[in-house]
Amino acid sequence: MIDEETYQCENCGKNAKVSKGKIPECCGKPMKKVPLDICTQPAHAEHARPMEDEDACDDFRAG
């Protein structure tokens, strides 16, 4: 399996998949690496559970 990275040109928006470690050029400039989707990134404090409440569950004992 070959590790590939996806890059995108900031000028024209063209995408390119290349072998890991190579930075392609487009429009005369190096392309920027496209970040991974949030669900494929390792969990850390900023992305652990962005849409879920961290409150204790309601067990209906309150008056």
C-alpha atoms as a PDB file:
ATOM      1  CA  MET A   1       0.000   0.000   0.000  1.00  0.00           C
ATOM      2  CA  ILE A   2       1.400   3.371  -1.013  1.00  0.00           C
ATOM      3  CA  ASP A   3       0.867   6.273   1.369  1.00  0.00           C
ATOM      4  CA  GLU A   4      -0.645   9.188  -0.504  1.00  0.00           C
ATOM      5  CA  GLU A   5      -1.413  12.749   0.520  1.00  0.00           C
ATOM      6  CA  THR A   6      -3.882  15.138  -1.083  1.00  0.00           C
ATOM      7  CA  TYR A   7      -2.856  18.679  -1.988  1.00  0.00           C
ATOM      8  CA  GLN A   8      -4.888  21.603  -3.347  1.00  0.00           C
ATOM      9  CA  CYS A   9      -3.866  24.684  -5.325  1.00  0.00           C
ATOM     10  CA  GLU A  10      -4.833  27.954  -3.617  1.00  0.00           C
ATOM     11  CA  ASN A  11      -5.201  29.727  -6.997  1.00  0.00           C
ATOM     12  CA  CYS A  12      -7.246  27.381  -9.182  1.00  0.00           C
ATOM     13  CA  GLY A  13      -8.506  24.793  -6.654  1.00  0.00           C
ATOM     14  CA  LYS A  14      -7.015  21.807  -8.524  1.00  0.00           C
ATOM     15  CA  ASN A  15      -6.429  18.717  -6.346  1.00  0.00           C
ATOM     16  CA  ALA A  16      -3.514  16.300  -6.630  1.00  0.00           C
ATOM     17  CA  LYS A  17      -2.737  13.016  -4.863  1.00  0.00           C
ATOM     18  CA  VAL A  18       0.977  12.313  -4.576  1.00  0.00           C
ATOM     19  CA  SER A  19       3.289   9.948  -2.721  1.00  0.00           C
ATOM     20  CA  LYS A  20       3.969  10.945   0.852  1.00  0.00           C
ATOM     21  CA  GLY A  21       6.840  13.423   1.145  1.00  0.00           C
ATOM     22  CA  LYS A  22       6.456  15.020  -2.293  1.00  0.00           C
ATOM     23  CA  ILE A  23       4.927  18.503  -2.556  1.00  0.00           C
ATOM     24  CA  PRO A  24       3.392  19.194  -5.984  1.00  0.00           C
ATOM     25  CA  GLU A  25       3.373  22.597  -7.676  1.00  0.00           C
ATOM     26  CA  CYS A  26       0.533  24.317  -9.538  1.00  0.00           C
ATOM     27  CA  CYS A  27       0.226  27.838 -10.931  1.00  0.00           C
ATOM     28  CA  GLY A  28       3.953  28.309 -10.198  1.00  0.00           C
ATOM     29  CA  LYS A  29       3.606  27.782  -6.417  1.00  0.00           C
ATOM     30  CA  PRO A  30       3.724  24.795  -4.046  1.00  0.00           C
ATOM     31  CA  MET A  31       0.284  23.336  -3.344  1.00  0.00           C
ATOM     32  CA  LYS A  32      -1.148  23.236   0.198  1.00  0.00           C
ATOM     33  CA  LYS A  33      -1.892  19.970   1.984  1.00  0.00           C
ATOM     34  CA  VAL A  34      -5.615  19.253   2.412  1.00  0.00           C
ATOM     35  CA  PRO A  35      -6.391  18.565   6.107  1.00  0.00           C
ATOM     36  CA  LEU A  36      -8.011  15.295   7.141  1.00  0.00           C
ATOM     37  CA  ASP A  37     -11.718  15.235   7.898  1.00  0.00           C
ATOM     38  CA  ILE A  38     -12.478  15.779  11.553  1.00  0.00           C
ATOM     39  CA  CYS A  39     -13.733  12.187  11.933  1.00  0.00           C
ATOM     40  CA  THR A  40     -10.439  10.743  10.680  1.00  0.00           C
ATOM     41  CA  GLN A  41      -8.211  12.839  12.945  1.00  0.00           C
ATOM     42  CA  PRO A  42      -7.097  11.491  16.307  1.00  0.00           C
ATOM     43  CA  ALA A  43      -9.300  12.598  19.186  1.00  0.00           C
ATOM     44  CA  HIS A  44      -7.981  15.488  21.247  1.00  0.00           C
ATOM     45  CA  ALA A  45      -9.499  18.150  23.464  1.00  0.00           C
ATOM     46  CA  GLU A  46     -10.788  20.368  20.645  1.00  0.00           C
ATOM     47  CA  HIS A  47     -12.405  17.572  18.655  1.00  0.00           C
ATOM     48  CA  ALA A  48     -13.274  14.875  21.188  1.00  0.00           C
ATOM     49  CA  ARG A  49     -17.061  15.404  21.189  1.00  0.00           C
ATOM     50  CA  PRO A  50     -17.860  18.725  19.548  1.00  0.00           C
ATOM     51  CA  MET A  51     -21.635  18.229  19.334  1.00  0.00           C
ATOM     52  CA  GLU A  52     -22.412  16.334  22.559  1.00  0.00           C
ATOM     53  CA  ASP A  53     -23.222  17.724  26.006  1.00  0.00           C
ATOM     54  CA  GLU A  54     -20.892  16.589  28.764  1.00  0.00           C
ATOM     55  CA  ASP A  55     -23.540  17.019  31.496  1.00  0.00           C
ATOM     56  CA  ALA A  56     -24.617  14.161  33.728  1.00  0.00           C
ATOM     57  CA  CYS A  57     -27.615  12.232  32.416  1.00  0.00           C
ATOM     58  CA  ASP A  58     -31.080  13.057  33.802  1.00  0.00           C
ATOM     59  CA  ASP A  59     -32.278  10.141  35.921  1.00  0.00           C
ATOM     60  CA  PHE A  60     -35.605  11.873  36.735  1.00  0.00           C
ATOM     61  CA  ARG A  61     -34.993  11.999  40.525  1.00  0.00           C
ATOM     62  CA  ALA A  62     -35.305  15.808  40.682  1.00  0.00           C
ATOM     63  CA  GLY A  63     -38.542  17.168  42.237  1.00  0.00           C
END
